[in-house]
Amino acid sequence: MILVVTGGIGSGKSQVCGILSKMGLSAQYNADLRAKALYEEHPTLLAQIEKSLGCSFRDRDGRFVPSLLASRIFTDRQALETVEAHLFPALMEDFHSFAGSCGEDIVVFESATVLEKSQFDGFGDKIILVDAPFETRLERACRRDGSAREEVLARMLNQKLMNDLSAGAVDPRIDCVIVNDGTLEDLESRTGNAINSLIR
């Protein structure tokens, strides 16, 4: 079983995944972190992207410079789609390799964008949304990242679907919502209840 955990910036996805690990669901794949790592670890991914976009994203020593790629795709929608067309197949290959070798019946797949990207359509057996009020998420993200409020706010406003869900929108793909607006004990209890309702 692939158990997807998603949510907006500052919602507490990683906190929930930590609780799931303590509950025994320790086979976990962080898609956002692995996507960043694959630019350097995959044997051909970065070269394919550079060829498609016609430019280099490396320094003079040939090392990948993430900020160069980020600045290119930040305002260029077509470039972003080109990168994702290369990245997602590599990510899925990496995930299935992990899932096949971990020896567990349930794999937790953590991703901020799984509901927003068409490449993930139909992916996952159960989807958990971790949510909290917008202002709560904003304050948490500012504290966590040490970033200015305006910077975090700009990132959050790009997550339109997550903001709509926080405001009460319904998405039929979501099997369970964990509201993270209380104490750690509240979150542990709600996460336990969610797992009991989904897989036990």
C-alpha atoms as a PDB file:
ATOM      1  CA  MET A   1       0.000   0.000   0.000  1.00  0.00           C
ATOM      2  CA  ILE A   2       1.174   3.506  -0.865  1.00  0.00           C
ATOM      3  CA  LEU A   3       0.019   5.933   1.840  1.00  0.00           C
ATOM      4  CA  VAL A   4       0.365   9.506   0.579  1.00  0.00           C
ATOM      5  CA  VAL A   5       0.809  12.351   3.070  1.00  0.00           C
ATOM      6  CA  THR A   6       0.398  15.850   1.641  1.00  0.00           C
ATOM      7  CA  GLY A   7      -0.361  19.380   2.783  1.00  0.00           C
ATOM      8  CA  GLY A   8       0.573  23.002   2.314  1.00  0.00           C
ATOM      9  CA  ILE A   9       3.584  24.874   3.641  1.00  0.00           C
ATOM     10  CA  GLY A  10       3.594  24.844   7.456  1.00  0.00           C
ATOM     11  CA  SER A  11       0.812  22.281   7.746  1.00  0.00           C
ATOM     12  CA  GLY A  12       2.932  19.706   9.556  1.00  0.00           C
ATOM     13  CA  LYS A  13       3.367  16.959   6.939  1.00  0.00           C
ATOM     14  CA  SER A  14       6.783  15.994   8.237  1.00  0.00           C
ATOM     15  CA  GLN A  15       5.499  16.003  11.821  1.00  0.00           C
ATOM     16  CA  VAL A  16       2.762  13.556  10.867  1.00  0.00           C
ATOM     17  CA  CYS A  17       5.287  11.389   9.027  1.00  0.00           C
ATOM     18  CA  GLY A  18       7.441  11.361  12.162  1.00  0.00           C
ATOM     19  CA  ILE A  19       4.453  10.160  14.181  1.00  0.00           C
ATOM     20  CA  LEU A  20       3.708   7.486  11.576  1.00  0.00           C
ATOM     21  CA  SER A  21       7.306   6.281  11.824  1.00  0.00           C
ATOM     22  CA  LYS A  22       6.958   5.899  15.597  1.00  0.00           C
ATOM     23  CA  MET A  23       3.769   3.907  14.948  1.00  0.00           C
ATOM     24  CA  GLY A  24       5.750   1.434  12.861  1.00  0.00           C
ATOM     25  CA  LEU A  25       5.291   2.910   9.386  1.00  0.00           C
ATOM     26  CA  SER A  26       8.994   3.563   8.977  1.00  0.00           C
ATOM     27  CA  ALA A  27       9.302   2.971   5.215  1.00  0.00           C
ATOM     28  CA  GLN A  28       9.023   6.591   4.116  1.00  0.00           C
ATOM     29  CA  TYR A  29       9.857   8.380   0.886  1.00  0.00           C
ATOM     30  CA  ASN A  30      10.068  12.177   0.909  1.00  0.00           C
ATOM     31  CA  ALA A  31       9.354  13.057  -2.715  1.00  0.00           C
ATOM     32  CA  ASP A  32      10.297  16.723  -2.380  1.00  0.00           C
ATOM     33  CA  LEU A  33      13.731  15.943  -0.914  1.00  0.00           C
ATOM     34  CA  ARG A  34      14.387  13.101  -3.356  1.00  0.00           C
ATOM     35  CA  ALA A  35      13.453  15.307  -6.320  1.00  0.00           C
ATOM     36  CA  LYS A  36      16.134  17.796  -5.279  1.00  0.00           C
ATOM     37  CA  ALA A  37      18.690  15.020  -4.794  1.00  0.00           C
ATOM     38  CA  LEU A  38      18.029  13.409  -8.162  1.00  0.00           C
ATOM     39  CA  TYR A  39      19.419  16.371 -10.090  1.00  0.00           C
ATOM     40  CA  GLU A  40      22.833  15.298  -8.816  1.00  0.00           C
ATOM     41  CA  GLU A  41      22.351  11.576  -8.215  1.00  0.00           C
ATOM     42  CA  HIS A  42      20.567  10.503 -11.404  1.00  0.00           C
ATOM     43  CA  PRO A  43      23.056   9.626 -14.155  1.00  0.00           C
ATOM     44  CA  THR A  44      21.335  11.555 -16.974  1.00  0.00           C
ATOM     45  CA  LEU A  45      18.549  13.752 -15.530  1.00  0.00           C
ATOM     46  CA  LEU A  46      20.394  17.068 -15.299  1.00  0.00           C
ATOM     47  CA  ALA A  47      22.039  16.623 -18.707  1.00  0.00           C
ATOM     48  CA  GLN A  48      18.641  15.909 -20.288  1.00  0.00           C
ATOM     49  CA  ILE A  49      17.155  19.048 -18.744  1.00  0.00           C
ATOM     50  CA  GLU A  50      20.098  21.184 -19.850  1.00  0.00           C
ATOM     51  CA  LYS A  51      19.845  19.848 -23.387  1.00  0.00           C
ATOM     52  CA  SER A  52      16.102  20.521 -23.541  1.00  0.00           C
ATOM     53  CA  LEU A  53      16.432  24.077 -22.184  1.00  0.00           C
ATOM     54  CA  GLY A  54      19.644  24.876 -24.024  1.00  0.00           C
ATOM     55  CA  CYS A  55      21.654  26.095 -21.056  1.00  0.00           C
ATOM     56  CA  SER A  56      23.796  24.884 -18.158  1.00  0.00           C
ATOM     57  CA  PHE A  57      22.844  24.864 -14.489  1.00  0.00           C
ATOM     58  CA  ARG A  58      26.335  24.105 -13.199  1.00  0.00           C
ATOM     59  CA  ASP A  59      29.266  26.086 -11.911  1.00  0.00           C
ATOM     60  CA  ARG A  60      32.737  26.176 -13.491  1.00  0.00           C
ATOM     61  CA  ASP A  61      33.616  22.905 -11.764  1.00  0.00           C
ATOM     62  CA  GLY A  62      30.576  21.139 -13.190  1.00  0.00           C
ATOM     63  CA  ARG A  63      28.590  21.083  -9.965  1.00  0.00           C
ATOM     64  CA  PHE A  64      24.836  21.586 -10.043  1.00  0.00           C
ATOM     65  CA  VAL A  65      23.696  25.022  -8.829  1.00  0.00           C
ATOM     66  CA  PRO A  66      20.032  24.754  -7.730  1.00  0.00           C
ATOM     67  CA  SER A  67      19.513  28.528  -7.697  1.00  0.00           C
ATOM     68  CA  LEU A  68      20.273  28.719 -11.433  1.00  0.00           C
ATOM     69  CA  LEU A  69      17.543  26.220 -12.224  1.00  0.00           C
ATOM     70  CA  ALA A  70      15.121  27.809  -9.749  1.00  0.00           C
ATOM     71  CA  SER A  71      15.540  31.251 -11.286  1.00  0.00           C
ATOM     72  CA  ARG A  72      14.920  29.838 -14.769  1.00  0.00           C
ATOM     73  CA  ILE A  73      11.668  28.047 -13.959  1.00  0.00           C
ATOM     74  CA  PHE A  74      10.290  30.576 -11.440  1.00  0.00           C
ATOM     75  CA  THR A  75       8.737  32.810 -14.099  1.00  0.00           C
ATOM     76  CA  ASP A  76       8.928  30.517 -17.146  1.00  0.00           C
ATOM     77  CA  ARG A  77       5.988  28.129 -17.169  1.00  0.00           C
ATOM     78  CA  GLN A  78       7.158  26.310 -20.274  1.00  0.00           C
ATOM     79  CA  ALA A  79      10.603  25.731 -18.744  1.00  0.00           C
ATOM     80  CA  LEU A  80       8.967  24.390 -15.576  1.00  0.00           C
ATOM     81  CA  GLU A  81       6.888  21.933 -17.598  1.00  0.00           C
ATOM     82  CA  THR A  82       9.996  20.833 -19.481  1.00  0.00           C
ATOM     83  CA  VAL A  83      11.850  20.171 -16.240  1.00  0.00           C
ATOM     84  CA  GLU A  84       8.905  18.263 -14.778  1.00  0.00           C
ATOM     85  CA  ALA A  85       8.592  16.146 -17.931  1.00  0.00           C
ATOM     86  CA  HIS A  86      12.095  14.854 -17.214  1.00  0.00           C
ATOM     87  CA  LEU A  87      11.929  14.881 -13.420  1.00  0.00           C
ATOM     88  CA  PHE A  88       8.725  12.947 -12.755  1.00  0.00           C
ATOM     89  CA  PRO A  89       9.689   9.745 -14.607  1.00  0.00           C
ATOM     90  CA  ALA A  90      13.034   9.757 -12.780  1.00  0.00           C
ATOM     91  CA  LEU A  91      11.241  10.338  -9.464  1.00  0.00           C
ATOM     92  CA  MET A  92       8.802   7.487 -10.050  1.00  0.00           C
ATOM     93  CA  GLU A  93      11.625   5.152 -11.026  1.00  0.00           C
ATOM     94  CA  ASP A  94      13.466   6.121  -7.842  1.00  0.00           C
ATOM     95  CA  PHE A  95      10.357   5.638  -5.697  1.00  0.00           C
ATOM     96  CA  HIS A  96       9.490   2.223  -7.085  1.00  0.00           C
ATOM     97  CA  SER A  97      13.076   1.113  -6.566  1.00  0.00           C
ATOM     98  CA  PHE A  98      12.822   2.238  -2.930  1.00  0.00           C
ATOM     99  CA  ALA A  99       9.406   0.638  -2.415  1.00  0.00           C
ATOM    100  CA  GLY A 100      10.532  -2.638  -3.957  1.00  0.00           C
ATOM    101  CA  SER A 101      13.607  -2.910  -1.793  1.00  0.00           C
ATOM    102  CA  CYS A 102      12.334  -1.697   1.591  1.00  0.00           C
ATOM    103  CA  GLY A 103      10.575  -4.959   2.454  1.00  0.00           C
ATOM    104  CA  GLU A 104       7.487  -3.272   3.948  1.00  0.00           C
ATOM    105  CA  ASP A 105       3.826  -3.720   3.051  1.00  0.00           C
ATOM    106  CA  ILE A 106       3.047  -0.022   3.555  1.00  0.00           C
ATOM    107  CA  VAL A 107       5.176   2.810   2.182  1.00  0.00           C
ATOM    108  CA  VAL A 108       4.547   6.429   3.210  1.00  0.00           C
ATOM    109  CA  PHE A 109       4.974   8.884   0.333  1.00  0.00           C
ATOM    110  CA  GLU A 110       5.363  12.486   1.514  1.00  0.00           C
ATOM    111  CA  SER A 111       4.805  15.194  -1.096  1.00  0.00           C
ATOM    112  CA  ALA A 112       3.622  18.798  -1.108  1.00  0.00           C
ATOM    113  CA  THR A 113       2.555  18.712  -4.763  1.00  0.00           C
ATOM    114  CA  VAL A 114       0.966  15.296  -5.255  1.00  0.00           C
ATOM    115  CA  LEU A 115      -2.547  16.768  -5.621  1.00  0.00           C
ATOM    116  CA  GLU A 116      -1.442  19.648  -7.839  1.00  0.00           C
ATOM    117  CA  LYS A 117       0.550  17.855 -10.531  1.00  0.00           C
ATOM    118  CA  SER A 118      -1.252  15.873 -13.233  1.00  0.00           C
ATOM    119  CA  GLN A 119       1.653  13.417 -13.391  1.00  0.00           C
ATOM    120  CA  PHE A 120       0.501  12.070 -10.016  1.00  0.00           C
ATOM    121  CA  ASP A 121      -3.108  11.442 -11.146  1.00  0.00           C
ATOM    122  CA  GLY A 122      -4.230   8.057  -9.815  1.00  0.00           C
ATOM    123  CA  PHE A 123      -1.114   7.650  -7.678  1.00  0.00           C
ATOM    124  CA  GLY A 124      -1.380   6.259  -4.159  1.00  0.00           C
ATOM    125  CA  ASP A 125      -3.817   3.931  -2.431  1.00  0.00           C
ATOM    126  CA  LYS A 126      -4.813   6.308   0.359  1.00  0.00           C
ATOM    127  CA  ILE A 127      -4.229  10.056   0.590  1.00  0.00           C
ATOM    128  CA  ILE A 128      -4.005  11.964   3.877  1.00  0.00           C
ATOM    129  CA  LEU A 129      -4.171  15.753   3.835  1.00  0.00           C
ATOM    130  CA  VAL A 130      -2.507  17.517   6.769  1.00  0.00           C
ATOM    131  CA  ASP A 131      -4.103  20.927   7.189  1.00  0.00           C
ATOM    132  CA  ALA A 132      -4.211  23.963   9.459  1.00  0.00           C
ATOM    133  CA  PRO A 133      -5.596  27.503   9.198  1.00  0.00           C
ATOM    134  CA  PHE A 134      -3.708  29.727   6.748  1.00  0.00           C
ATOM    135  CA  GLU A 135      -2.332  32.130   9.380  1.00  0.00           C
ATOM    136  CA  THR A 136      -1.214  29.217  11.548  1.00  0.00           C
ATOM    137  CA  ARG A 137       0.680  27.683   8.642  1.00  0.00           C
ATOM    138  CA  LEU A 138       2.245  31.021   7.773  1.00  0.00           C
ATOM    139  CA  GLU A 139       3.498  31.634  11.318  1.00  0.00           C
ATOM    140  CA  ARG A 140       4.895  28.104  11.598  1.00  0.00           C
ATOM    141  CA  ALA A 141       6.749  28.343   8.295  1.00  0.00           C
ATOM    142  CA  CYS A 142       8.275  31.698   9.250  1.00  0.00           C
ATOM    143  CA  ARG A 143       9.526  30.279  12.561  1.00  0.00           C
ATOM    144  CA  ARG A 144      10.775  27.062  10.974  1.00  0.00           C
ATOM    145  CA  ASP A 145      12.641  28.652   8.056  1.00  0.00           C
ATOM    146  CA  GLY A 146      13.684  31.897   9.711  1.00  0.00           C
ATOM    147  CA  SER A 147      12.317  33.650   6.626  1.00  0.00           C
ATOM    148  CA  ALA A 148      10.570  36.980   6.259  1.00  0.00           C
ATOM    149  CA  ARG A 149       6.793  36.865   6.388  1.00  0.00           C
ATOM    150  CA  GLU A 150       6.487  38.345   2.886  1.00  0.00           C
ATOM    151  CA  GLU A 151       8.783  35.667   1.423  1.00  0.00           C
ATOM    152  CA  VAL A 152       6.861  32.781   2.984  1.00  0.00           C
ATOM    153  CA  LEU A 153       3.541  34.376   2.076  1.00  0.00           C
ATOM    154  CA  ALA A 154       4.566  34.562  -1.592  1.00  0.00           C
ATOM    155  CA  ARG A 155       5.428  30.848  -1.572  1.00  0.00           C
ATOM    156  CA  MET A 156       2.179  29.936   0.136  1.00  0.00           C
ATOM    157  CA  LEU A 157       0.047  31.925  -2.298  1.00  0.00           C
ATOM    158  CA  ASN A 158       1.442  29.759  -5.091  1.00  0.00           C
ATOM    159  CA  GLN A 159      -0.183  26.721  -3.448  1.00  0.00           C
ATOM    160  CA  LYS A 160      -3.677  27.614  -4.602  1.00  0.00           C
ATOM    161  CA  LEU A 161      -5.213  24.164  -4.149  1.00  0.00           C
ATOM    162  CA  MET A 162      -3.860  23.824  -0.616  1.00  0.00           C
ATOM    163  CA  ASN A 163      -5.245  27.237   0.275  1.00  0.00           C
ATOM    164  CA  ASP A 164      -8.629  26.355  -1.231  1.00  0.00           C
ATOM    165  CA  LEU A 165      -8.700  23.138   0.820  1.00  0.00           C
ATOM    166  CA  SER A 166      -7.869  25.067   3.988  1.00  0.00           C
ATOM    167  CA  ALA A 167     -10.777  27.370   3.168  1.00  0.00           C
ATOM    168  CA  GLY A 168     -13.213  24.443   2.964  1.00  0.00           C
ATOM    169  CA  ALA A 169     -12.962  23.139  -0.594  1.00  0.00           C
ATOM    170  CA  VAL A 170     -13.496  19.395  -1.039  1.00  0.00           C
ATOM    171  CA  ASP A 171     -11.290  17.113  -3.127  1.00  0.00           C
ATOM    172  CA  PRO A 172     -12.635  13.574  -3.688  1.00  0.00           C
ATOM    173  CA  ARG A 173      -9.107  12.190  -3.971  1.00  0.00           C
ATOM    174  CA  ILE A 174      -8.478  12.841  -0.268  1.00  0.00           C
ATOM    175  CA  ASP A 175      -9.343   9.913   2.004  1.00  0.00           C
ATOM    176  CA  CYS A 176      -8.685  11.608   5.335  1.00  0.00           C
ATOM    177  CA  VAL A 177      -7.895  15.077   6.705  1.00  0.00           C
ATOM    178  CA  ILE A 178      -5.748  15.567   9.804  1.00  0.00           C
ATOM    179  CA  VAL A 179      -6.237  19.058  11.222  1.00  0.00           C
ATOM    180  CA  ASN A 180      -3.035  20.191  12.919  1.00  0.00           C
ATOM    181  CA  ASP A 181      -4.206  23.165  14.946  1.00  0.00           C
ATOM    182  CA  GLY A 182      -3.553  21.993  18.498  1.00  0.00           C
ATOM    183  CA  THR A 183      -0.871  20.392  20.636  1.00  0.00           C
ATOM    184  CA  LEU A 184       1.516  17.614  19.684  1.00  0.00           C
ATOM    185  CA  GLU A 185      -0.633  15.253  21.734  1.00  0.00           C
ATOM    186  CA  ASP A 186      -3.669  16.306  19.690  1.00  0.00           C
ATOM    187  CA  LEU A 187      -1.763  15.623  16.479  1.00  0.00           C
ATOM    188  CA  GLU A 188      -0.612  12.205  17.672  1.00  0.00           C
ATOM    189  CA  SER A 189      -4.174  11.262  18.596  1.00  0.00           C
ATOM    190  CA  ARG A 190      -5.618  12.491  15.310  1.00  0.00           C
ATOM    191  CA  THR A 191      -2.920  10.722  13.310  1.00  0.00           C
ATOM    192  CA  GLY A 192      -3.602   7.480  15.159  1.00  0.00           C
ATOM    193  CA  ASN A 193      -7.318   7.794  14.491  1.00  0.00           C
ATOM    194  CA  ALA A 194      -6.646   8.457  10.811  1.00  0.00           C
ATOM    195  CA  ILE A 195      -4.490   5.369  10.437  1.00  0.00           C
ATOM    196  CA  ASN A 196      -7.006   3.219  12.263  1.00  0.00           C
ATOM    197  CA  SER A 197      -9.726   4.362   9.888  1.00  0.00           C
ATOM    198  CA  LEU A 198      -7.644   3.853   6.747  1.00  0.00           C
ATOM    199  CA  ILE A 199      -5.569   0.720   7.144  1.00  0.00           C
ATOM    200  CA  ARG A 200      -6.436  -1.128  10.335  1.00  0.00           C
END
